[in-house]
Each structure stands twice: as structure tokens, then as C-alpha cells.
Amino acid sequence: MSSNAPRARQHGQGLAEYALILALIAILAITALLFLSGQINTILSTIGHAL
């Protein structure tokens, strides 16, 4: 049973690292959307009025 313990820890560590990377990407995406929301709104409004 002790031979599986290091493998389980490595698997858990890998999942934690992926979760942290995913959280960082989500935070960066939300921040980018907040900063670019005005420009995106302007572009979509222009397209909407053109139709």
C-alpha cells in the first residue's frame, strides 16, 4: 500500500497545478474582458446599426 502513496501524491499535485493554471487563465480572461468591454460594445453597436 505504501508503494502507491507517492504516485497518488504526484497525481494530486498535478491536478492542483492544472487547477491553478486554469484559475489564472480565467482571471486573465475576465480582466481582459473588463478592460475591452467598451471597445467590444462599440464594435458590436456599429455592426448592429449597419445591419
Protein backbone atom coordinates (compact mmCIF):
# COMPACT_ATOMS: atom_id res chain seq x y z
CA MET A 1 0.00 0.00 0.00
CA SER A 2 2.84 2.40 0.69
CA SER A 3 4.20 1.92 -2.83
CA ASN A 4 1.12 3.66 -4.27
CA ALA A 5 1.32 6.67 -1.94
CA PRO A 6 3.97 8.63 -3.91
CA ARG A 7 2.10 8.07 -7.16
CA ALA A 8 -1.16 9.29 -5.59
CA ARG A 9 0.60 12.40 -4.26
CA GLN A 10 2.07 13.17 -7.68
CA HIS A 11 -1.34 12.73 -9.31
CA GLY A 12 -2.93 15.07 -6.76
CA GLN A 13 -0.14 17.58 -7.21
CA GLY A 14 -0.62 17.51 -10.98
CA LEU A 15 -4.35 18.15 -10.60
CA ALA A 16 -3.68 21.05 -8.24
CA GLU A 17 -1.24 22.59 -10.72
CA TYR A 18 -3.77 22.29 -13.55
CA ALA A 19 -6.43 23.87 -11.34
CA LEU A 20 -4.13 26.81 -10.54
CA ILE A 21 -3.28 27.32 -14.21
CA LEU A 22 -6.97 27.17 -15.14
CA ALA A 23 -7.83 29.69 -12.42
CA LEU A 24 -5.08 32.03 -13.63
CA ILE A 25 -6.32 31.81 -17.23
CA ALA A 26 -9.88 32.52 -16.08
CA ILE A 27 -8.76 35.58 -14.09
CA LEU A 28 -6.76 36.89 -17.05
CA ALA A 29 -9.70 36.36 -19.44
CA ILE A 30 -12.14 38.15 -17.12
CA THR A 31 -9.71 41.04 -16.63
CA ALA A 32 -9.19 41.36 -20.39
CA LEU A 33 -12.95 41.39 -20.97
CA LEU A 34 -13.44 44.08 -18.34
CA PHE A 35 -10.81 46.32 -19.95
CA LEU A 36 -12.00 45.69 -23.51
CA SER A 37 -15.75 45.74 -22.86
CA GLY A 38 -16.14 49.34 -24.07
CA GLN A 39 -14.37 48.67 -27.35
CA ILE A 40 -16.28 45.42 -27.88
CA ASN A 41 -19.55 47.22 -27.21
CA THR A 42 -18.68 49.93 -29.73
CA ILE A 43 -17.78 47.39 -32.42
CA LEU A 44 -20.95 45.37 -31.87
CA SER A 45 -23.09 48.52 -31.89
CA THR A 46 -21.53 49.62 -35.17
CA ILE A 47 -22.22 46.22 -36.70
CA GLY A 48 -25.78 46.27 -35.36
CA HIS A 49 -26.51 49.70 -36.80
CA ALA A 50 -25.03 48.69 -40.15
CA LEU A 51 -27.49 45.83 -40.41
